[in-house]
Amino acid sequence: MTTPARSLDDWIARYHQQLEILNFSDRTWLTQRSYLRVFQRFLDELQIYDVQQVTANVLQDFQRWLF
């Protein structure tokens, strides 16, 4: 049995696969990937590498960090 994906990189890869399955355009993927990379940069600053550590408070902090 495989272990569930826990890193953001793993989830980004799975999201990309889902977009391909649903036949989204390459442009959609490029746009979404750029947004996810910004979020990943934020998580790296907080030293959060496991998606299970992302809480509502972390998301609120991310919103403040963006602005």
PDB file of N, CA and C in Angstrom:
ATOM      1  N   MET A   1       0.848  -1.188   0.000  1.00  0.00           N
ATOM      2  CA  MET A   1       0.000   0.000   0.000  1.00  0.00           C
ATOM      3  C   MET A   1       0.891   1.249   0.000  1.00  0.00           C
ATOM      4  N   THR A   2       0.527   2.241  -0.802  1.00  0.00           N
ATOM      5  CA  THR A   2       1.313   3.467  -0.861  1.00  0.00           C
ATOM      6  C   THR A   2       0.870   4.429   0.226  1.00  0.00           C
ATOM      7  N   THR A   3       1.791   5.288   0.626  1.00  0.00           N
ATOM      8  CA  THR A   3       1.459   6.292   1.642  1.00  0.00           C
ATOM      9  C   THR A   3       0.788   7.478   0.961  1.00  0.00           C
ATOM     10  N   PRO A   4      -0.130   8.132   1.641  1.00  0.00           N
ATOM     11  CA  PRO A   4      -0.809   9.282   1.033  1.00  0.00           C
ATOM     12  C   PRO A   4       0.157  10.446   0.797  1.00  0.00           C
ATOM     13  N   ALA A   5      -0.109  11.207  -0.238  1.00  0.00           N
ATOM     14  CA  ALA A   5       0.716  12.386  -0.535  1.00  0.00           C
ATOM     15  C   ALA A   5       0.517  13.413   0.579  1.00  0.00           C
ATOM     16  N   ARG A   6       1.636  13.914   1.097  1.00  0.00           N
ATOM     17  CA  ARG A   6       1.540  14.872   2.189  1.00  0.00           C
ATOM     18  C   ARG A   6       2.234  16.181   1.873  1.00  0.00           C
ATOM     19  N   SER A   7       3.203  16.169   0.965  1.00  0.00           N
ATOM     20  CA  SER A   7       3.898  17.419   0.663  1.00  0.00           C
ATOM     21  C   SER A   7       3.086  18.219  -0.345  1.00  0.00           C
ATOM     22  N   LEU A   8       3.295  19.505  -0.335  1.00  0.00           N
ATOM     23  CA  LEU A   8       2.572  20.358  -1.280  1.00  0.00           C
ATOM     24  C   LEU A   8       2.959  20.001  -2.716  1.00  0.00           C
ATOM     25  N   ASP A   9       4.210  19.637  -2.938  1.00  0.00           N
ATOM     26  CA  ASP A   9       4.623  19.222  -4.284  1.00  0.00           C
ATOM     27  C   ASP A   9       3.798  18.028  -4.772  1.00  0.00           C
ATOM     28  N   ASP A  10       3.556  17.077  -3.874  1.00  0.00           N
ATOM     29  CA  ASP A  10       2.746  15.914  -4.235  1.00  0.00           C
ATOM     30  C   ASP A  10       1.321  16.329  -4.594  1.00  0.00           C
ATOM     31  N   TRP A  11       0.753  17.212  -3.802  1.00  0.00           N
ATOM     32  CA  TRP A  11      -0.614  17.664  -4.062  1.00  0.00           C
ATOM     33  C   TRP A  11      -0.698  18.491  -5.342  1.00  0.00           C
ATOM     34  N   ILE A  12       0.325  19.284  -5.612  1.00  0.00           N
ATOM     35  CA  ILE A  12       0.344  20.063  -6.847  1.00  0.00           C
ATOM     36  C   ILE A  12       0.392  19.128  -8.051  1.00  0.00           C
ATOM     37  N   ALA A  13       1.196  18.087  -7.968  1.00  0.00           N
ATOM     38  CA  ALA A  13       1.279  17.113  -9.058  1.00  0.00           C
ATOM     39  C   ALA A  13      -0.060  16.407  -9.266  1.00  0.00           C
ATOM     40  N   ARG A  14      -0.715  16.046  -8.191  1.00  0.00           N
ATOM     41  CA  ARG A  14      -2.027  15.393  -8.304  1.00  0.00           C
ATOM     42  C   ARG A  14      -3.069  16.356  -8.884  1.00  0.00           C
ATOM     43  N   TYR A  15      -2.999  17.607  -8.482  1.00  0.00           N
ATOM     44  CA  TYR A  15      -3.915  18.621  -9.016  1.00  0.00           C
ATOM     45  C   TYR A  15      -3.703  18.781 -10.525  1.00  0.00           C
ATOM     46  N   HIS A  16      -2.448  18.799 -10.943  1.00  0.00           N
ATOM     47  CA  HIS A  16      -2.139  18.905 -12.370  1.00  0.00           C
ATOM     48  C   HIS A  16      -2.727  17.720 -13.125  1.00  0.00           C
ATOM     49  N   GLN A  17      -2.587  16.530 -12.586  1.00  0.00           N
ATOM     50  CA  GLN A  17      -3.166  15.344 -13.222  1.00  0.00           C
ATOM     51  C   GLN A  17      -4.683  15.485 -13.342  1.00  0.00           C
ATOM     52  N   GLN A  18      -5.313  15.989 -12.313  1.00  0.00           N
ATOM     53  CA  GLN A  18      -6.775  16.166 -12.336  1.00  0.00           C
ATOM     54  C   GLN A  18      -7.187  17.162 -13.415  1.00  0.00           C
ATOM     55  N   LEU A  19      -6.447  18.254 -13.537  1.00  0.00           N
ATOM     56  CA  LEU A  19      -6.759  19.231 -14.575  1.00  0.00           C
ATOM     57  C   LEU A  19      -6.627  18.609 -15.965  1.00  0.00           C
ATOM     58  N   GLU A  20      -5.609  17.766 -16.141  1.00  0.00           N
ATOM     59  CA  GLU A  20      -5.438  17.093 -17.428  1.00  0.00           C
ATOM     60  C   GLU A  20      -6.592  16.137 -17.711  1.00  0.00           C
ATOM     61  N   ILE A  21      -6.997  15.387 -16.703  1.00  0.00           N
ATOM     62  CA  ILE A  21      -8.113  14.445 -16.860  1.00  0.00           C
ATOM     63  C   ILE A  21      -9.387  15.193 -17.253  1.00  0.00           C
ATOM     64  N   LEU A  22      -9.588  16.356 -16.644  1.00  0.00           N
ATOM     65  CA  LEU A  22     -10.787  17.159 -16.928  1.00  0.00           C
ATOM     66  C   LEU A  22     -10.631  18.027 -18.170  1.00  0.00           C
ATOM     67  N   ASN A  23      -9.492  17.863 -18.851  1.00  0.00           N
ATOM     68  CA  ASN A  23      -9.228  18.540 -20.127  1.00  0.00           C
ATOM     69  C   ASN A  23      -9.185  20.062 -20.011  1.00  0.00           C
ATOM     70  N   PHE A  24      -8.620  20.554 -18.911  1.00  0.00           N
ATOM     71  CA  PHE A  24      -8.408  21.991 -18.783  1.00  0.00           C
ATOM     72  C   PHE A  24      -7.264  22.405 -19.688  1.00  0.00           C
ATOM     73  N   SER A  25      -7.237  23.644 -20.071  1.00  0.00           N
ATOM     74  CA  SER A  25      -6.192  24.129 -20.975  1.00  0.00           C
ATOM     75  C   SER A  25      -4.845  24.211 -20.263  1.00  0.00           C
ATOM     76  N   ASP A  26      -3.788  24.202 -21.060  1.00  0.00           N
ATOM     77  CA  ASP A  26      -2.444  24.364 -20.507  1.00  0.00           C
ATOM     78  C   ASP A  26      -2.314  25.716 -19.816  1.00  0.00           C
ATOM     79  N   ARG A  27      -2.968  26.721 -20.361  1.00  0.00           N
ATOM     80  CA  ARG A  27      -2.915  28.064 -19.777  1.00  0.00           C
ATOM     81  C   ARG A  27      -3.496  28.067 -18.365  1.00  0.00           C
ATOM     82  N   THR A  28      -4.577  27.326 -18.166  1.00  0.00           N
ATOM     83  CA  THR A  28      -5.170  27.211 -16.831  1.00  0.00           C
ATOM     84  C   THR A  28      -4.158  26.630 -15.863  1.00  0.00           C
ATOM     85  N   TRP A  29      -3.472  25.573 -16.284  1.00  0.00           N
ATOM     86  CA  TRP A  29      -2.474  24.953 -15.428  1.00  0.00           C
ATOM     87  C   TRP A  29      -1.350  25.929 -15.091  1.00  0.00           C
ATOM     88  N   LEU A  30      -0.863  26.654 -16.086  1.00  0.00           N
ATOM     89  CA  LEU A  30       0.231  27.590 -15.838  1.00  0.00           C
ATOM     90  C   LEU A  30      -0.175  28.664 -14.830  1.00  0.00           C
ATOM     91  N   THR A  31      -1.395  29.146 -14.961  1.00  0.00           N
ATOM     92  CA  THR A  31      -1.901  30.165 -14.039  1.00  0.00           C
ATOM     93  C   THR A  31      -2.032  29.604 -12.626  1.00  0.00           C
ATOM     94  N   GLN A  32      -2.679  28.447 -12.513  1.00  0.00           N
ATOM     95  CA  GLN A  32      -2.877  27.829 -11.204  1.00  0.00           C
ATOM     96  C   GLN A  32      -1.535  27.489 -10.554  1.00  0.00           C
ATOM     97  N   ARG A  33      -0.590  26.983 -11.351  1.00  0.00           N
ATOM     98  CA  ARG A  33       0.715  26.627 -10.815  1.00  0.00           C
ATOM     99  C   ARG A  33       1.429  27.864 -10.248  1.00  0.00           C
ATOM    100  N   SER A  34       1.296  28.995 -10.937  1.00  0.00           N
ATOM    101  CA  SER A  34       1.962  30.202 -10.425  1.00  0.00           C
ATOM    102  C   SER A  34       1.367  30.617  -9.081  1.00  0.00           C
ATOM    103  N   TYR A  35       0.046  30.499  -8.918  1.00  0.00           N
ATOM    104  CA  TYR A  35      -0.583  30.816  -7.635  1.00  0.00           C
ATOM    105  C   TYR A  35      -0.123  29.844  -6.545  1.00  0.00           C
ATOM    106  N   LEU A  36      -0.044  28.577  -6.892  1.00  0.00           N
ATOM    107  CA  LEU A  36       0.362  27.577  -5.915  1.00  0.00           C
ATOM    108  C   LEU A  36       1.819  27.752  -5.501  1.00  0.00           C
ATOM    109  N   ARG A  37       2.652  28.203  -6.413  1.00  0.00           N
ATOM    110  CA  ARG A  37       4.063  28.443  -6.078  1.00  0.00           C
ATOM    111  C   ARG A  37       4.208  29.603  -5.097  1.00  0.00           C
ATOM    112  N   VAL A  38       3.371  30.618  -5.225  1.00  0.00           N
ATOM    113  CA  VAL A  38       3.383  31.727  -4.260  1.00  0.00           C
ATOM    114  C   VAL A  38       2.996  31.201  -2.877  1.00  0.00           C
ATOM    115  N   PHE A  39       1.969  30.374  -2.837  1.00  0.00           N
ATOM    116  CA  PHE A  39       1.544  29.777  -1.571  1.00  0.00           C
ATOM    117  C   PHE A  39       2.659  28.902  -0.999  1.00  0.00           C
ATOM    118  N   GLN A  40       3.323  28.159  -1.859  1.00  0.00           N
ATOM    119  CA  GLN A  40       4.413  27.311  -1.407  1.00  0.00           C
ATOM    120  C   GLN A  40       5.571  28.136  -0.836  1.00  0.00           C
ATOM    121  N   ARG A  41       5.862  29.259  -1.463  1.00  0.00           N
ATOM    122  CA  ARG A  41       6.907  30.147  -0.946  1.00  0.00           C
ATOM    123  C   ARG A  41       6.559  30.615   0.476  1.00  0.00           C
ATOM    124  N   PHE A  42       5.299  30.974   0.673  1.00  0.00           N
ATOM    125  CA  PHE A  42       4.830  31.388   1.991  1.00  0.00           C
ATOM    126  C   PHE A  42       5.010  30.260   3.005  1.00  0.00           C
ATOM    127  N   LEU A  43       4.586  29.052   2.638  1.00  0.00           N
ATOM    128  CA  LEU A  43       4.723  27.915   3.550  1.00  0.00           C
ATOM    129  C   LEU A  43       6.186  27.617   3.851  1.00  0.00           C
ATOM    130  N   ASP A  44       7.043  27.778   2.865  1.00  0.00           N
ATOM    131  CA  ASP A  44       8.478  27.568   3.086  1.00  0.00           C
ATOM    132  C   ASP A  44       9.019  28.558   4.118  1.00  0.00           C
ATOM    133  N   GLU A  45       8.563  29.799   4.047  1.00  0.00           N
ATOM    134  CA  GLU A  45       8.992  30.804   5.030  1.00  0.00           C
ATOM    135  C   GLU A  45       8.603  30.400   6.446  1.00  0.00           C
ATOM    136  N   LEU A  46       7.445  29.744   6.556  1.00  0.00           N
ATOM    137  CA  LEU A  46       6.976  29.286   7.875  1.00  0.00           C
ATOM    138  C   LEU A  46       7.529  27.912   8.232  1.00  0.00           C
ATOM    139  N   GLN A  47       8.291  27.341   7.329  1.00  0.00           N
ATOM    140  CA  GLN A  47       8.837  25.993   7.488  1.00  0.00           C
ATOM    141  C   GLN A  47       7.735  24.964   7.668  1.00  0.00           C
ATOM    142  N   ILE A  48       6.695  25.100   6.862  1.00  0.00           N
ATOM    143  CA  ILE A  48       5.608  24.130   6.831  1.00  0.00           C
ATOM    144  C   ILE A  48       5.791  23.313   5.554  1.00  0.00           C
ATOM    145  N   TYR A  49       6.039  22.022   5.734  1.00  0.00           N
ATOM    146  CA  TYR A  49       6.306  21.157   4.590  1.00  0.00           C
ATOM    147  C   TYR A  49       5.298  20.023   4.463  1.00  0.00           C
ATOM    148  N   ASP A  50       4.406  19.901   5.413  1.00  0.00           N
ATOM    149  CA  ASP A  50       3.377  18.865   5.413  1.00  0.00           C
ATOM    150  C   ASP A  50       2.025  19.564   5.305  1.00  0.00           C
ATOM    151  N   VAL A  51       1.233  19.202   4.296  1.00  0.00           N
ATOM    152  CA  VAL A  51      -0.038  19.906   4.090  1.00  0.00           C
ATOM    153  C   VAL A  51      -0.994  19.748   5.271  1.00  0.00           C
ATOM    154  N   GLN A  52      -0.785  18.730   6.074  1.00  0.00           N
ATOM    155  CA  GLN A  52      -1.653  18.555   7.240  1.00  0.00           C
ATOM    156  C   GLN A  52      -1.406  19.627   8.297  1.00  0.00           C
ATOM    157  N   GLN A  53      -0.326  20.383   8.164  1.00  0.00           N
ATOM    158  CA  GLN A  53      -0.037  21.478   9.088  1.00  0.00           C
ATOM    159  C   GLN A  53      -0.718  22.781   8.661  1.00  0.00           C
ATOM    160  N   VAL A  54      -1.332  22.794   7.485  1.00  0.00           N
ATOM    161  CA  VAL A  54      -2.010  24.001   6.996  1.00  0.00           C
ATOM    162  C   VAL A  54      -3.378  24.078   7.665  1.00  0.00           C
ATOM    163  N   THR A  55      -3.535  25.099   8.480  1.00  0.00           N
ATOM    164  CA  THR A  55      -4.775  25.291   9.229  1.00  0.00           C
ATOM    165  C   THR A  55      -5.485  26.559   8.722  1.00  0.00           C
ATOM    166  N   ALA A  56      -6.660  26.799   9.249  1.00  0.00           N
ATOM    167  CA  ALA A  56      -7.388  28.018   8.905  1.00  0.00           C
ATOM    168  C   ALA A  56      -6.560  29.249   9.281  1.00  0.00           C
ATOM    169  N   ASN A  57      -5.873  29.197  10.404  1.00  0.00           N
ATOM    170  CA  ASN A  57      -5.031  30.329  10.817  1.00  0.00           C
ATOM    171  C   ASN A  57      -3.889  30.557   9.835  1.00  0.00           C
ATOM    172  N   VAL A  58      -3.305  29.481   9.334  1.00  0.00           N
ATOM    173  CA  VAL A  58      -2.226  29.615   8.345  1.00  0.00           C
ATOM    174  C   VAL A  58      -2.773  30.274   7.084  1.00  0.00           C
ATOM    175  N   LEU A  59      -3.967  29.883   6.666  1.00  0.00           N
ATOM    176  CA  LEU A  59      -4.575  30.492   5.478  1.00  0.00           C
ATOM    177  C   LEU A  59      -4.887  31.970   5.701  1.00  0.00           C
ATOM    178  N   GLN A  60      -5.322  32.322   6.893  1.00  0.00           N
ATOM    179  CA  GLN A  60      -5.557  33.731   7.212  1.00  0.00           C
ATOM    180  C   GLN A  60      -4.247  34.512   7.189  1.00  0.00           C
ATOM    181  N   ASP A  61      -3.193  33.919   7.726  1.00  0.00           N
ATOM    182  CA  ASP A  61      -1.872  34.560   7.684  1.00  0.00           C
ATOM    183  C   ASP A  61      -1.405  34.732   6.247  1.00  0.00           C
ATOM    184  N   PHE A  62      -1.702  33.759   5.403  1.00  0.00           N
ATOM    185  CA  PHE A  62      -1.334  33.859   3.992  1.00  0.00           C
ATOM    186  C   PHE A  62      -2.044  35.031   3.322  1.00  0.00           C
ATOM    187  N   GLN A  63      -3.322  35.211   3.623  1.00  0.00           N
ATOM    188  CA  GLN A  63      -4.059  36.340   3.067  1.00  0.00           C
ATOM    189  C   GLN A  63      -3.426  37.656   3.477  1.00  0.00           C
ATOM    190  N   ARG A  64      -3.063  37.762   4.747  1.00  0.00           N
ATOM    191  CA  ARG A  64      -2.410  38.992   5.223  1.00  0.00           C
ATOM    192  C   ARG A  64      -1.050  39.163   4.556  1.00  0.00           C
ATOM    193  N   TRP A  65      -0.312  38.069   4.383  1.00  0.00           N
ATOM    194  CA  TRP A  65       1.011  38.094   3.760  1.00  0.00           C
ATOM    195  C   TRP A  65       0.908  38.587   2.325  1.00  0.00           C
ATOM    196  N   LEU A  66      -0.157  38.216   1.627  1.00  0.00           N
ATOM    197  CA  LEU A  66      -0.331  38.650   0.243  1.00  0.00           C
ATOM    198  C   LEU A  66      -0.514  40.160   0.147  1.00  0.00           C
ATOM    199  N   PHE A  67      -1.190  40.733   1.144  1.00  0.00           N
ATOM    200  CA  PHE A  67      -1.503  42.149   1.093  1.00  0.00           C
ATOM    201  C   PHE A  67      -0.662  42.915   2.077  1.00  0.00           C
TER     202      PHE A  67
END
